[in-house]
Amino acid sequence: MNNLQFALEGAWKVLLVGVLLGSGLPAIFALGIRALAYGVGGDAEVDHALPHPVGKALAALCFAIVLGGVALGITIVAASGFGKAVSFEHVIPTIVDK
């Protein structure tokens, strides 16, 4: 029974990371595109509203989160290629020896 519990515990963690990275980052990117359209205004909208700086700021935040996730993924892959690991002990990811 313990083996099944350990397997399910690991499975939900893998599922959570897969959902966050597999559909979470593209969803945040799509939200950034939508916020950018809101921030530009103009012919894309029916009422020809003026541009909203909040939309541009939200788009920039969304794109920064996506770029940070991509950069973190590349860092983890590159670090493991050099025999290193990425540690999150002090909140900021750092490359440490394995």
C-alpha atoms as a PDB file:
ATOM      1  CA  MET A   1       0.000   0.000   0.000  1.00  0.00           C
ATOM      2  CA  ASN A   2       2.891   2.376   0.718  1.00  0.00           C
ATOM      3  CA  ASN A   3       4.275   1.882  -2.788  1.00  0.00           C
ATOM      4  CA  LEU A   4       0.957   2.906  -4.316  1.00  0.00           C
ATOM      5  CA  GLN A   5       0.825   5.980  -2.106  1.00  0.00           C
ATOM      6  CA  PHE A   6       4.364   6.997  -3.125  1.00  0.00           C
ATOM      7  CA  ALA A   7       3.543   6.468  -6.802  1.00  0.00           C
ATOM      8  CA  LEU A   8       0.390   8.580  -6.596  1.00  0.00           C
ATOM      9  CA  GLU A   9       2.208  11.280  -4.647  1.00  0.00           C
ATOM     10  CA  GLY A  10       4.836  11.544  -7.362  1.00  0.00           C
ATOM     11  CA  ALA A  11       2.239  11.326 -10.138  1.00  0.00           C
ATOM     12  CA  TRP A  12       0.223  14.326  -8.990  1.00  0.00           C
ATOM     13  CA  LYS A  13       3.396  16.442  -8.743  1.00  0.00           C
ATOM     14  CA  VAL A  14       4.341  15.526 -12.306  1.00  0.00           C
ATOM     15  CA  LEU A  15       0.780  16.228 -13.432  1.00  0.00           C
ATOM     16  CA  LEU A  16       0.770  19.631 -11.723  1.00  0.00           C
ATOM     17  CA  VAL A  17       4.056  20.709 -13.315  1.00  0.00           C
ATOM     18  CA  GLY A  18       2.888  19.389 -16.684  1.00  0.00           C
ATOM     19  CA  VAL A  19      -0.322  21.395 -16.492  1.00  0.00           C
ATOM     20  CA  LEU A  20       1.466  24.552 -15.358  1.00  0.00           C
ATOM     21  CA  LEU A  21       4.165  24.414 -17.995  1.00  0.00           C
ATOM     22  CA  GLY A  22       2.232  22.600 -20.686  1.00  0.00           C
ATOM     23  CA  SER A  23      -0.844  24.790 -20.706  1.00  0.00           C
ATOM     24  CA  GLY A  24      -0.072  27.458 -18.124  1.00  0.00           C
ATOM     25  CA  LEU A  25       2.643  29.342 -19.998  1.00  0.00           C
ATOM     26  CA  PRO A  26       0.733  29.347 -23.321  1.00  0.00           C
ATOM     27  CA  ALA A  27      -2.373  30.550 -21.459  1.00  0.00           C
ATOM     28  CA  ILE A  28      -0.398  33.403 -19.873  1.00  0.00           C
ATOM     29  CA  PHE A  29       1.022  34.263 -23.306  1.00  0.00           C
ATOM     30  CA  ALA A  30      -2.505  34.326 -24.768  1.00  0.00           C
ATOM     31  CA  LEU A  31      -3.621  36.572 -21.909  1.00  0.00           C
ATOM     32  CA  GLY A  32      -0.706  38.883 -22.718  1.00  0.00           C
ATOM     33  CA  ILE A  33      -1.727  39.042 -26.385  1.00  0.00           C
ATOM     34  CA  ARG A  34      -5.312  39.871 -25.363  1.00  0.00           C
ATOM     35  CA  ALA A  35      -4.108  42.523 -22.917  1.00  0.00           C
ATOM     36  CA  LEU A  36      -1.893  44.005 -25.629  1.00  0.00           C
ATOM     37  CA  ALA A  37      -4.891  44.298 -27.955  1.00  0.00           C
ATOM     38  CA  TYR A  38      -6.781  46.031 -25.138  1.00  0.00           C
ATOM     39  CA  GLY A  39      -3.802  48.321 -24.557  1.00  0.00           C
ATOM     40  CA  VAL A  40      -3.531  49.379 -28.190  1.00  0.00           C
ATOM     41  CA  GLY A  41      -7.164  50.200 -28.918  1.00  0.00           C
ATOM     42  CA  GLY A  42      -7.947  51.239 -32.480  1.00  0.00           C
ATOM     43  CA  ASP A  43      -9.539  49.331 -35.352  1.00  0.00           C
ATOM     44  CA  ALA A  44      -9.364  45.915 -33.687  1.00  0.00           C
ATOM     45  CA  GLU A  45     -12.088  46.964 -31.258  1.00  0.00           C
ATOM     46  CA  VAL A  46     -15.695  47.728 -32.118  1.00  0.00           C
ATOM     47  CA  ASP A  47     -16.008  50.968 -30.188  1.00  0.00           C
ATOM     48  CA  HIS A  48     -12.633  52.432 -31.291  1.00  0.00           C
ATOM     49  CA  ALA A  49     -11.608  53.074 -27.711  1.00  0.00           C
ATOM     50  CA  LEU A  50      -8.473  54.912 -26.740  1.00  0.00           C
ATOM     51  CA  PRO A  51      -5.424  52.847 -25.785  1.00  0.00           C
ATOM     52  CA  HIS A  52      -5.225  51.768 -22.151  1.00  0.00           C
ATOM     53  CA  PRO A  53      -1.825  51.855 -20.436  1.00  0.00           C
ATOM     54  CA  VAL A  54      -3.065  49.193 -17.998  1.00  0.00           C
ATOM     55  CA  GLY A  55      -3.410  46.764 -20.906  1.00  0.00           C
ATOM     56  CA  LYS A  56       0.154  47.415 -22.007  1.00  0.00           C
ATOM     57  CA  ALA A  57       1.458  46.975 -18.463  1.00  0.00           C
ATOM     58  CA  LEU A  58      -0.469  43.715 -18.013  1.00  0.00           C
ATOM     59  CA  ALA A  59       0.833  42.464 -21.373  1.00  0.00           C
ATOM     60  CA  ALA A  60       4.412  43.290 -20.377  1.00  0.00           C
ATOM     61  CA  LEU A  61       3.957  41.435 -17.084  1.00  0.00           C
ATOM     62  CA  CYS A  62       2.535  38.360 -18.843  1.00  0.00           C
ATOM     63  CA  PHE A  63       5.356  38.320 -21.398  1.00  0.00           C
ATOM     64  CA  ALA A  64       7.951  38.713 -18.629  1.00  0.00           C
ATOM     65  CA  ILE A  65       6.509  35.703 -16.785  1.00  0.00           C
ATOM     66  CA  VAL A  66       6.618  33.603 -19.964  1.00  0.00           C
ATOM     67  CA  LEU A  67      10.175  34.682 -20.779  1.00  0.00           C
ATOM     68  CA  GLY A  68      11.224  33.921 -17.200  1.00  0.00           C
ATOM     69  CA  GLY A  69       9.744  30.429 -17.454  1.00  0.00           C
ATOM     70  CA  VAL A  70      11.512  29.786 -20.752  1.00  0.00           C
ATOM     71  CA  ALA A  71      14.811  31.114 -19.392  1.00  0.00           C
ATOM     72  CA  LEU A  72      14.483  28.954 -16.286  1.00  0.00           C
ATOM     73  CA  GLY A  73      13.808  25.870 -18.405  1.00  0.00           C
ATOM     74  CA  ILE A  74      16.835  26.536 -20.606  1.00  0.00           C
ATOM     75  CA  THR A  75      18.963  27.125 -17.498  1.00  0.00           C
ATOM     76  CA  ILE A  76      17.906  23.797 -15.978  1.00  0.00           C
ATOM     77  CA  VAL A  77      18.675  21.902 -19.194  1.00  0.00           C
ATOM     78  CA  ALA A  78      22.026  23.650 -19.702  1.00  0.00           C
ATOM     79  CA  ALA A  79      23.049  23.192 -16.064  1.00  0.00           C
ATOM     80  CA  SER A  80      22.316  19.469 -16.156  1.00  0.00           C
ATOM     81  CA  GLY A  81      24.400  19.207 -19.325  1.00  0.00           C
ATOM     82  CA  PHE A  82      27.390  20.616 -17.450  1.00  0.00           C
ATOM     83  CA  GLY A  83      26.872  18.302 -14.458  1.00  0.00           C
ATOM     84  CA  LYS A  84      25.303  20.999 -12.312  1.00  0.00           C
ATOM     85  CA  ALA A  85      21.856  21.432 -10.780  1.00  0.00           C
ATOM     86  CA  VAL A  86      19.539  24.371 -10.199  1.00  0.00           C
ATOM     87  CA  SER A  87      18.732  25.006  -6.535  1.00  0.00           C
ATOM     88  CA  PHE A  88      15.766  27.006  -5.222  1.00  0.00           C
ATOM     89  CA  GLU A  89      16.949  27.087  -1.582  1.00  0.00           C
ATOM     90  CA  HIS A  90      17.033  30.893  -1.310  1.00  0.00           C
ATOM     91  CA  VAL A  91      14.039  31.570  -3.593  1.00  0.00           C
ATOM     92  CA  ILE A  92      16.288  32.815  -6.397  1.00  0.00           C
ATOM     93  CA  PRO A  93      17.384  29.911  -8.608  1.00  0.00           C
ATOM     94  CA  THR A  94      21.128  29.311  -8.436  1.00  0.00           C
ATOM     95  CA  ILE A  95      23.344  26.817 -10.227  1.00  0.00           C
ATOM     96  CA  VAL A  96      25.114  24.484  -7.783  1.00  0.00           C
ATOM     97  CA  ASP A  97      27.222  21.324  -8.030  1.00  0.00           C
ATOM     98  CA  LYS A  98      25.352  18.041  -7.962  1.00  0.00           C
END
